[in-house]
């Protein structure tokens, strides 16, 4: 206040409650634990809010003198009242400088948004309260971003599970899976999808940074922190596959080397595989991109990047596109990780991860009576069912649209059904068994399916 009086600026002390270092997400605020003071200053006939203590941010100690080092945090000098209202609650409502004013009940329930959230010009789109109740083990939090800045913003999510009094971070030592899935539904939004492994209490910390800011003291910092109470953990998948270096969706490198996604789904990072099959394609935007050597890996929560081999023979180049047909067990999910050999001025030819997509397959559909009558007749007009080892296999007897009896074999997944053969880029061998009694074959297949589903 002394400095303001020297400057001839009227200043008052505001008494109230702070969501600071002693605050636990969702707790009731008390004077004993959360009391704080800050100031209101009259500038050009307008009251402005200042918290000089929070504005002098400690960043560490000088190694030689052991003196604490500080830097200016301008978020708390002449702060926007809307921003301050997420962490400061005055005893006298008029010093909120809001119209209408907010109740203590609303203040305690509000999302816990930190300074970096406002620095990065973000908005809350889905979860406006700091506590989340999760019924089925999976939740998605949405934020808005300024389209002019969105391409330069980077994010991470840290998830902690409460064990007795302490929180333990969820982390896979084998680097095969992750509990968070960050992607961008469009150019001005961020989605944070989370899978909680079991019932319990969790702390979700979302952090971010602007990669255009060059400062040795600037790094990832909190954007928002939530408390999640999980009623039931995920039933089928307790995590997501661990994405490669580029993160989920397309990296900027994809366009830098002359490629772009040929469909909208790929830009969103989540693809749907109809009954286990989808096509991934990239438009060739520059002539030099035609000579790119593309390869990919298909991973899941049980088999990470180090566990599977790189595939490169399946890519086709036609009509100005690279495309590849992907097959996963129906009803299952996996991750597609694309790589390319690119020239680096320092290291020469190196392998870069261009994008990563989560592929979620729909289950197989049972054919109706009419379709079952269309079963392919082979050899002397005799009705034949084929037992196919994997649906991507195509026998010389099969044609696009033929109906076969399929057995999908995946990691812990076996599903039987009648299914149509897709047109594929090349013929492969097929494990097929002849059956003279289609009805008996069908009954035995469904009996086996029901046994495995129990």
Protein backbone atom coordinates (compact mmCIF):
# COMPACT_ATOMS: atom_id res chain seq x y z
CA UNK A 1 0.00 0.00 0.00
CA UNK A 2 2.95 2.31 0.69
CA UNK A 3 3.99 2.34 -2.98
CA UNK A 4 0.44 3.08 -4.11
CA UNK A 5 0.18 5.98 -1.66
CA UNK A 6 3.45 7.40 -3.01
CA UNK A 7 1.94 7.20 -6.49
CA UNK A 8 -1.17 8.99 -5.27
CA UNK A 9 -3.43 6.00 -6.00
CA UNK A 10 -6.23 5.14 -3.54
CA UNK A 11 -5.77 1.57 -2.30
CA UNK A 12 -7.71 -0.73 0.04
CA UNK A 13 -6.88 -4.07 1.68
CA UNK A 14 -9.27 -6.90 0.79
CA UNK A 15 -9.76 -9.74 3.30
CA UNK A 16 -10.97 -13.09 2.09
CA UNK A 17 -10.25 -16.68 1.09
CA UNK A 18 -7.61 -18.03 -1.30
CA UNK A 19 -7.29 -21.25 -3.25
CA UNK A 20 -3.54 -21.37 -2.77
CA UNK A 21 -0.91 -23.86 -1.59
CA UNK A 22 -3.09 -25.08 1.31
CA UNK A 23 -6.11 -25.76 -0.88
CA UNK A 24 -7.32 -29.31 -1.60
CA UNK A 25 -9.66 -29.73 -4.57
CA UNK A 26 -13.32 -29.52 -3.58
CA UNK A 27 -12.80 -28.81 0.12
CA UNK A 28 -14.78 -26.31 2.19
CA UNK A 29 -12.79 -23.10 2.72
CA UNK A 30 -12.08 -21.88 6.27
CA UNK A 31 -10.37 -18.79 7.66
CA UNK A 32 -7.87 -20.90 9.61
CA UNK A 33 -6.54 -22.59 6.48
CA UNK A 34 -7.40 -20.37 3.51
CA UNK A 35 -7.38 -16.78 4.78
CA UNK A 36 -5.62 -14.24 2.56
CA UNK A 37 -5.27 -10.55 1.77
CA UNK A 38 -4.88 -8.65 -1.46
CA UNK A 39 -5.56 -5.14 -2.74
CA UNK A 40 -7.89 -3.06 -4.84
CA UNK A 41 -6.37 0.07 -6.46
CA UNK A 42 -8.29 2.96 -8.03
CA UNK A 43 -6.76 3.71 -11.45
CA UNK A 44 -8.46 6.17 -13.82
CA UNK A 45 -11.63 5.95 -11.73
CA UNK A 46 -11.73 2.14 -12.07
CA UNK A 47 -10.98 -0.30 -9.26
CA UNK A 48 -8.31 -2.85 -10.22
CA UNK A 49 -7.21 -5.96 -8.31
CA UNK A 50 -3.63 -6.68 -7.21
CA UNK A 51 -2.03 -9.55 -5.27
CA UNK A 52 1.59 -8.44 -4.91
CA UNK A 53 2.55 -11.55 -2.92
CA UNK A 54 1.35 -13.96 -5.61
CA UNK A 55 2.77 -11.67 -8.30
CA UNK A 56 6.31 -12.05 -6.92
CA UNK A 57 6.75 -15.66 -7.99
CA UNK A 58 9.62 -17.70 -6.52
CA UNK A 59 11.48 -19.63 -9.25
CA UNK A 60 14.32 -21.20 -7.23
CA UNK A 61 17.56 -20.33 -5.51
CA UNK A 62 20.81 -18.88 -6.86
CA UNK A 63 23.44 -21.66 -6.69
CA UNK A 64 26.21 -19.31 -5.53
CA UNK A 65 24.50 -17.05 -2.99
CA UNK A 66 21.65 -19.45 -2.05
CA UNK A 67 19.30 -16.47 -2.27
CA UNK A 68 15.75 -17.11 -3.41
CA UNK A 69 15.13 -15.91 -6.94
CA UNK A 70 11.84 -14.29 -8.01
CA UNK A 71 10.20 -13.31 -11.26
CA UNK A 72 7.24 -11.09 -12.02
CA UNK A 73 3.91 -12.83 -12.63
CA UNK A 74 1.75 -10.18 -14.26
CA UNK A 75 -1.40 -12.26 -13.85
CA UNK A 76 -1.88 -10.71 -10.42
CA UNK A 77 -1.22 -7.04 -11.26
CA UNK A 78 -4.32 -5.20 -12.46
CA UNK A 79 -5.88 -8.64 -12.90
CA UNK A 80 -9.10 -9.38 -14.74
CA UNK A 81 -11.83 -9.82 -12.05
CA UNK A 82 -13.20 -12.87 -13.90
CA UNK A 83 -9.78 -14.54 -13.66
CA UNK A 84 -9.21 -13.61 -9.99
CA UNK A 85 -12.64 -15.03 -9.12
CA UNK A 86 -11.31 -18.57 -9.67
CA UNK A 87 -8.82 -18.30 -6.78
CA UNK A 88 -9.78 -15.21 -4.68
CA UNK A 89 -13.02 -14.77 -2.73
CA UNK A 90 -13.45 -11.50 -0.74
CA UNK A 91 -15.46 -11.32 2.47
CA UNK A 92 -17.20 -8.26 1.05
CA UNK A 93 -18.87 -9.36 -2.22
CA UNK A 94 -18.51 -5.89 -3.78
CA UNK A 95 -14.73 -6.46 -4.12
CA UNK A 96 -15.32 -9.28 -6.57
CA UNK A 97 -15.89 -6.43 -9.05
CA UNK A 98 -18.36 -8.72 -10.78
CA UNK A 99 -21.96 -8.19 -11.71
CA UNK A 100 -23.76 -10.21 -10.50
CA UNK A 101 -21.62 -11.34 -7.58
CA UNK A 102 -20.85 -14.98 -6.86
CA UNK A 103 -21.73 -16.97 -3.73
CA UNK A 104 -19.19 -18.82 -1.61
CA UNK A 105 -20.92 -22.09 -2.58
CA UNK A 106 -20.30 -21.44 -6.28
CA UNK A 107 -16.70 -20.34 -5.59
CA UNK A 108 -15.95 -23.60 -3.76
CA UNK A 109 -17.45 -25.69 -6.58
CA UNK A 110 -15.79 -23.87 -9.49
CA UNK A 111 -13.15 -25.56 -11.63
CA UNK A 112 -9.66 -24.98 -10.23
CA UNK A 113 -8.09 -23.02 -13.09
CA UNK A 114 -4.51 -21.80 -12.82
CA UNK A 115 -2.68 -18.78 -14.25
CA UNK A 116 -1.35 -20.67 -17.28
CA UNK A 117 -4.95 -21.37 -18.37
CA UNK A 118 -5.57 -17.64 -18.80
CA UNK A 119 -2.10 -16.93 -20.23
CA UNK A 120 -2.89 -19.40 -23.02
CA UNK A 121 -6.29 -17.79 -23.66
CA UNK A 122 -8.34 -20.95 -23.00
CA UNK A 123 -11.99 -21.60 -22.13
CA UNK A 124 -13.81 -24.33 -20.20
CA UNK A 125 -16.30 -26.12 -22.48
CA UNK A 126 -17.48 -29.09 -20.43
CA UNK A 127 -16.57 -29.41 -16.74
CA UNK A 128 -17.17 -26.13 -14.92
CA UNK A 129 -16.93 -27.72 -11.44
CA UNK A 130 -13.73 -28.88 -9.79
CA UNK A 131 -15.15 -32.28 -8.79
CA UNK A 132 -16.15 -34.91 -11.33
CA UNK A 133 -18.25 -38.00 -10.65
CA UNK A 134 -17.36 -40.80 -13.06
CA UNK A 135 -19.90 -43.60 -13.44
CA UNK A 136 -18.36 -45.96 -16.01
CA UNK A 137 -14.62 -45.41 -15.62
CA UNK A 138 -14.17 -43.06 -18.59
CA UNK A 139 -14.48 -39.28 -18.80
CA UNK A 140 -13.75 -36.58 -21.37
CA UNK A 141 -12.95 -32.95 -20.48
CA UNK A 142 -13.20 -30.28 -23.19
CA UNK A 143 -11.43 -26.92 -23.41
CA UNK A 144 -11.59 -24.16 -25.99
CA UNK A 145 -8.49 -22.52 -27.47
CA UNK A 146 -7.75 -19.37 -29.43
CA UNK A 147 -7.42 -20.61 -33.06
CA UNK A 148 -4.63 -18.09 -33.67
CA UNK A 149 -2.50 -19.70 -30.95
CA UNK A 150 -3.73 -23.30 -30.86
CA UNK A 151 -1.04 -24.73 -33.17
CA UNK A 152 1.69 -23.58 -30.75
CA UNK A 153 0.12 -24.94 -27.58
CA UNK A 154 1.32 -28.24 -26.07
CA UNK A 155 -0.35 -30.25 -23.33
CA UNK A 156 0.12 -33.20 -21.00
CA UNK A 157 -2.09 -34.87 -18.40
CA UNK A 158 -0.95 -36.39 -15.09
CA UNK A 159 -3.28 -38.73 -13.21
CA UNK A 160 -2.86 -39.64 -9.55
CA UNK A 161 -4.78 -42.26 -7.58
CA UNK A 162 -5.40 -41.77 -3.88
CA UNK A 163 -4.00 -44.52 -1.67
CA UNK A 164 -4.85 -43.93 2.00
CA UNK A 165 -3.70 -40.31 2.54
CA UNK A 166 -1.32 -39.90 -0.40
CA UNK A 167 -1.69 -39.79 -4.18
CA UNK A 168 0.33 -42.10 -6.46
CA UNK A 169 0.88 -41.25 -10.11
CA UNK A 170 -0.46 -43.78 -12.63
CA UNK A 171 2.39 -44.82 -14.89
CA UNK A 172 3.31 -47.88 -16.96
CA UNK A 173 6.94 -48.90 -16.44
CA UNK A 174 6.86 -51.01 -19.61
CA UNK A 175 5.68 -48.06 -21.73
CA UNK A 176 2.78 -49.95 -23.32
CA UNK A 177 -0.23 -47.96 -22.17
CA UNK A 178 -1.40 -44.62 -20.76
CA UNK A 179 -4.56 -43.59 -18.92
CA UNK A 180 -4.94 -40.23 -20.71
CA UNK A 181 -5.75 -39.55 -24.34
CA UNK A 182 -5.26 -35.93 -25.47
CA UNK A 183 -6.50 -34.96 -28.92
CA UNK A 184 -8.00 -32.03 -30.80
CA UNK A 185 -11.57 -32.52 -32.08
CA UNK A 186 -11.04 -29.38 -34.21
CA UNK A 187 -8.57 -26.52 -34.54
CA UNK A 188 -9.89 -24.55 -31.55
CA UNK A 189 -10.57 -27.23 -28.95
CA UNK A 190 -8.70 -29.71 -26.77
CA UNK A 191 -10.19 -32.97 -25.50
CA UNK A 192 -8.74 -34.83 -22.52
CA UNK A 193 -10.14 -38.35 -22.41
CA UNK A 194 -9.29 -40.37 -19.28
CA UNK A 195 -9.73 -44.03 -18.37
CA UNK A 196 -9.69 -44.79 -14.66
CA UNK A 197 -8.63 -48.38 -13.88
CA UNK A 198 -10.83 -48.94 -10.82
CA UNK A 199 -13.15 -47.39 -8.26
CA UNK A 200 -11.55 -44.69 -6.13
CA UNK A 201 -10.51 -41.04 -5.83
CA UNK A 202 -8.17 -39.46 -8.40
CA UNK A 203 -6.42 -36.15 -8.99
CA UNK A 204 -6.25 -35.05 -12.64
CA UNK A 205 -3.63 -32.40 -13.47
CA UNK A 206 -3.61 -30.86 -16.95
CA UNK A 207 -0.48 -28.89 -17.80
CA UNK A 208 0.52 -26.87 -20.86
CA UNK A 209 2.96 -24.50 -22.49
CA UNK A 210 3.34 -22.24 -25.53
CA UNK A 211 6.26 -23.54 -27.62
CA UNK A 212 6.93 -20.07 -29.06
CA UNK A 213 8.11 -18.76 -25.67
CA UNK A 214 11.88 -19.10 -25.28
CA UNK A 215 12.86 -18.72 -21.64
CA UNK A 216 14.98 -21.04 -19.49
CA UNK A 217 12.48 -20.65 -16.65
CA UNK A 218 9.43 -21.36 -18.84
CA UNK A 219 8.13 -24.94 -18.94
CA UNK A 220 4.93 -26.90 -18.55
CA UNK A 221 2.71 -25.51 -15.79
CA UNK A 222 -0.74 -26.25 -14.41
CA UNK A 223 -3.75 -25.29 -16.50
CA UNK A 224 -6.51 -27.00 -14.52
CA UNK A 225 -6.74 -29.51 -11.68
CA UNK A 226 -9.75 -31.73 -11.01
CA UNK A 227 -10.76 -34.27 -8.38
CA UNK A 228 -12.46 -37.35 -9.84
CA UNK A 229 -14.57 -39.73 -7.79
CA UNK A 230 -14.87 -42.96 -9.77
CA UNK A 231 -17.92 -45.10 -8.97
CA UNK A 232 -16.96 -47.93 -11.34
CA UNK A 233 -13.69 -48.51 -13.19
CA UNK A 234 -13.50 -49.23 -16.92
CA UNK A 235 -14.95 -52.64 -17.72
CA UNK A 236 -13.23 -53.45 -21.00
CA UNK A 237 -10.14 -51.27 -21.37
CA UNK A 238 -8.57 -49.62 -18.32
CA UNK A 239 -6.11 -47.63 -20.45
CA UNK A 240 -5.18 -46.50 -23.97
CA UNK A 241 -2.24 -47.74 -26.06
CA UNK A 242 0.91 -45.67 -25.51
CA UNK A 243 1.25 -43.26 -28.43
CA UNK A 244 4.57 -42.74 -30.22
CA UNK A 245 6.54 -39.46 -29.97
CA UNK A 246 4.20 -37.30 -32.09
CA UNK A 247 1.27 -37.77 -29.70
CA UNK A 248 -2.29 -38.40 -30.82
CA UNK A 249 -3.40 -37.04 -34.16
CA UNK A 250 -1.26 -35.53 -36.92
CA UNK A 251 2.07 -33.89 -36.13
CA UNK A 252 3.21 -30.77 -38.04
CA UNK A 253 5.89 -32.95 -39.68
CA UNK A 254 3.21 -34.64 -41.80
CA UNK A 255 2.50 -31.46 -43.76
CA UNK A 256 6.15 -30.38 -43.69
CA UNK A 257 7.09 -33.43 -45.77
CA UNK A 258 4.22 -32.91 -48.24
CA UNK A 259 1.35 -35.08 -46.97
CA UNK A 260 -2.10 -34.33 -45.56
CA UNK A 261 -4.90 -36.49 -44.18
CA UNK A 262 -7.39 -37.54 -46.83
CA UNK A 263 -10.36 -37.61 -44.46
CA UNK A 264 -11.69 -35.62 -41.51
CA UNK A 265 -11.60 -38.51 -39.02
CA UNK A 266 -7.80 -38.72 -39.25
CA UNK A 267 -7.49 -35.08 -38.19
CA UNK A 268 -9.42 -35.93 -35.01
CA UNK A 269 -7.11 -38.83 -34.04
CA UNK A 270 -9.97 -41.32 -33.49
CA UNK A 271 -10.96 -43.63 -36.36
CA UNK A 272 -13.86 -46.05 -36.61
CA UNK A 273 -13.22 -49.47 -38.13
CA UNK A 274 -16.47 -50.92 -39.42
CA UNK A 275 -16.49 -54.55 -38.27
CA UNK A 276 -12.72 -54.40 -37.87
CA UNK A 277 -11.74 -52.78 -41.18
CA UNK A 278 -10.76 -49.25 -42.21
CA UNK A 279 -8.65 -47.50 -44.81
CA UNK A 280 -6.14 -44.80 -43.89
CA UNK A 281 -5.09 -42.45 -46.69
CA UNK A 282 -2.87 -39.40 -47.24
CA UNK A 283 -3.01 -36.92 -50.09
CA UNK A 284 0.36 -36.26 -51.75
CA UNK A 285 0.73 -32.47 -51.83
CA UNK A 286 4.25 -32.15 -53.26
CA UNK A 287 6.06 -34.17 -55.97
CA UNK A 288 8.98 -35.06 -53.69
CA UNK A 289 6.55 -36.75 -51.26
CA UNK A 290 5.85 -39.46 -53.86
CA UNK A 291 9.19 -41.09 -53.02
CA UNK A 292 8.60 -41.25 -49.26
CA UNK A 293 9.20 -44.58 -47.54
CA UNK A 294 6.21 -45.01 -45.22
CA UNK A 295 5.83 -47.67 -42.55
CA UNK A 296 3.58 -48.26 -39.58
CA UNK A 297 3.04 -50.22 -36.39
CA UNK A 298 -0.26 -51.47 -34.96
CA UNK A 299 -0.12 -51.56 -31.17
CA UNK A 300 -2.49 -52.09 -28.25
CA UNK A 301 -2.36 -51.97 -24.45
CA UNK A 302 -0.64 -55.36 -24.32
CA UNK A 303 1.83 -54.90 -27.19
CA UNK A 304 3.72 -51.61 -27.30
CA UNK A 305 6.00 -50.08 -29.91
CA UNK A 306 8.95 -52.21 -28.84
CA UNK A 307 6.91 -55.42 -29.03
CA UNK A 308 5.70 -55.32 -32.65
CA UNK A 309 7.48 -55.24 -36.00
CA UNK A 310 7.33 -52.38 -38.48
CA UNK A 311 5.08 -52.93 -41.53
CA UNK A 312 5.94 -51.25 -44.84
CA UNK A 313 4.76 -53.54 -47.66
CA UNK A 314 1.04 -52.77 -47.32
CA UNK A 315 1.09 -49.16 -48.53
CA UNK A 316 -0.27 -48.46 -52.00
CA UNK A 317 0.29 -45.28 -54.01
CA UNK A 318 -2.41 -44.41 -56.52
CA UNK A 319 -4.50 -41.42 -57.59
CA UNK A 320 -2.19 -39.02 -55.77
CA UNK A 321 -2.54 -40.82 -52.43
CA UNK A 322 -0.80 -43.21 -50.13
CA UNK A 323 -3.26 -45.61 -48.54
CA UNK A 324 -3.24 -48.73 -46.40
CA UNK A 325 -6.02 -51.11 -45.34
CA UNK A 326 -6.04 -51.84 -41.60
CA UNK A 327 -7.71 -54.84 -39.93
CA UNK A 328 -8.28 -55.33 -36.22
CA UNK A 329 -10.57 -57.79 -34.40
CA UNK A 330 -14.19 -56.54 -34.47
CA UNK A 331 -15.21 -54.91 -31.21
CA UNK A 332 -11.56 -54.36 -30.30
CA UNK A 333 -9.32 -51.29 -30.48
CA UNK A 334 -5.71 -50.51 -31.25
CA UNK A 335 -3.40 -47.69 -32.29
CA UNK A 336 -1.97 -46.97 -35.74
CA UNK A 337 1.47 -45.27 -35.61
CA UNK A 338 2.83 -43.91 -38.90
CA UNK A 339 6.54 -43.38 -39.60
CA UNK A 340 8.64 -42.11 -42.50
CA UNK A 341 12.29 -41.81 -43.41
CA UNK A 342 13.02 -38.08 -43.68
CA UNK A 343 16.17 -36.05 -44.26
CA UNK A 344 17.59 -34.22 -41.27
CA UNK A 345 20.28 -31.55 -41.84
CA UNK A 346 22.25 -32.72 -38.80
CA UNK A 347 21.73 -36.48 -38.68
CA UNK A 348 20.96 -37.38 -42.30
CA UNK A 349 18.12 -39.82 -42.98
CA UNK A 350 16.15 -40.52 -39.81
CA UNK A 351 12.84 -42.17 -38.92
CA UNK A 352 10.14 -39.74 -37.77
CA UNK A 353 6.75 -40.45 -36.24
CA UNK A 354 4.18 -38.56 -38.31
CA UNK A 355 0.90 -39.34 -36.56
CA UNK A 356 -0.92 -41.72 -34.23
CA UNK A 357 -4.59 -42.72 -34.36
CA UNK A 358 -6.76 -44.66 -31.94
CA UNK A 359 -8.81 -47.13 -34.01
CA UNK A 360 -12.04 -48.38 -32.44
CA UNK A 361 -13.82 -51.21 -34.20
CA UNK A 362 -17.53 -51.86 -34.26
CA UNK A 363 -18.56 -55.46 -33.49
CA UNK A 364 -19.51 -57.89 -36.23
CA UNK A 365 -23.11 -57.72 -37.38
CA UNK A 366 -25.10 -60.91 -37.68
CA UNK A 367 -26.45 -61.35 -41.19
CA UNK A 368 -30.19 -61.47 -41.76
CA UNK A 369 -31.99 -64.49 -43.22
CA UNK A 370 -31.73 -63.27 -46.80
CA UNK A 371 -27.99 -62.68 -46.54
CA UNK A 372 -27.44 -66.11 -45.04
CA UNK A 373 -29.07 -67.60 -48.13
CA UNK A 374 -26.40 -65.96 -50.28
CA UNK A 375 -23.59 -68.16 -48.96
CA UNK A 376 -21.09 -68.83 -51.74
CA UNK A 377 -21.62 -72.08 -53.60
CA UNK A 378 -18.37 -73.68 -54.71
CA UNK A 379 -17.68 -76.96 -56.53
CA UNK A 380 -20.59 -78.94 -57.99
CA UNK A 381 -23.24 -76.63 -56.56
CA UNK A 382 -22.54 -77.86 -53.03
CA UNK A 383 -23.17 -75.25 -50.29
CA UNK A 384 -19.91 -74.56 -48.49
CA UNK A 385 -18.96 -72.59 -45.38
CA UNK A 386 -15.42 -71.39 -44.90
CA UNK A 387 -13.65 -71.16 -41.53
CA UNK A 388 -11.37 -68.15 -42.03
CA UNK A 389 -8.29 -67.63 -39.81
CA UNK A 390 -8.41 -63.85 -40.22
CA UNK A 391 -10.85 -61.74 -42.16
CA UNK A 392 -8.12 -59.97 -44.13
CA UNK A 393 -7.20 -63.32 -45.72
CA UNK A 394 -8.75 -63.83 -49.14
CA UNK A 395 -8.90 -67.23 -50.77
CA UNK A 396 -8.95 -67.56 -54.58
CA UNK A 397 -12.47 -68.97 -54.07
CA UNK A 398 -13.66 -65.68 -52.52
CA UNK A 399 -14.78 -62.50 -54.21
CA UNK A 400 -15.71 -59.10 -52.84
CA UNK A 401 -19.09 -59.41 -51.16
CA UNK A 402 -18.93 -63.19 -50.63
CA UNK A 403 -20.19 -64.44 -47.29
CA UNK A 404 -17.95 -66.62 -45.14
CA UNK A 405 -17.88 -67.88 -41.59
CA UNK A 406 -15.10 -65.99 -39.84
CA UNK A 407 -13.05 -66.67 -36.75
CA UNK A 408 -11.25 -63.59 -35.49
CA UNK A 409 -8.31 -64.33 -33.23
CA UNK A 410 -6.87 -61.43 -31.25
CA UNK A 411 -5.08 -60.74 -27.98
CA UNK A 412 -7.55 -62.25 -25.53
CA UNK A 413 -10.43 -61.88 -28.00
CA UNK A 414 -12.20 -64.53 -30.08
CA UNK A 415 -15.39 -63.68 -31.92
CA UNK A 416 -17.33 -65.72 -34.45
CA UNK A 417 -19.81 -64.42 -36.94
CA UNK A 418 -20.87 -64.40 -40.56
CA UNK A 419 -19.06 -61.62 -42.36
CA UNK A 420 -18.56 -60.10 -45.80
CA UNK A 421 -15.16 -60.11 -47.49
CA UNK A 422 -13.76 -56.67 -48.27
CA UNK A 423 -11.97 -55.84 -51.53
CA UNK A 424 -8.29 -55.92 -50.66
CA UNK A 425 -5.16 -54.80 -52.52
CA UNK A 426 -3.70 -58.30 -52.85
CA UNK A 427 -4.63 -61.96 -52.43
CA UNK A 428 -3.53 -63.90 -49.40
CA UNK A 429 -3.91 -67.53 -48.45
CA UNK A 430 -6.93 -68.51 -46.36
CA UNK A 431 -7.35 -71.25 -43.80
CA UNK A 432 -10.66 -72.81 -44.92
CA UNK A 433 -12.47 -75.95 -43.90
CA UNK A 434 -15.31 -77.55 -45.86
CA UNK A 435 -18.57 -78.37 -44.06
CA UNK A 436 -21.43 -80.34 -45.63
CA UNK A 437 -23.93 -79.34 -42.95
CA UNK A 438 -24.15 -75.51 -42.69
CA UNK A 439 -26.74 -75.62 -39.91
CA UNK A 440 -24.59 -77.90 -37.75
CA UNK A 441 -21.53 -75.74 -38.47
CA UNK A 442 -23.40 -72.57 -37.48
CA UNK A 443 -24.66 -74.09 -34.23
CA UNK A 444 -21.21 -75.33 -33.25
CA UNK A 445 -19.69 -71.92 -33.96
CA UNK A 446 -22.22 -70.02 -31.85
CA UNK A 447 -21.95 -72.60 -29.07
CA UNK A 448 -18.19 -72.05 -28.99
CA UNK A 449 -18.65 -68.27 -29.03
CA UNK A 450 -21.02 -68.39 -26.06
CA UNK A 451 -18.61 -70.60 -24.11
CA UNK A 452 -15.77 -68.10 -24.61
CA UNK A 453 -17.88 -65.06 -23.73
CA UNK A 454 -18.60 -66.42 -20.23
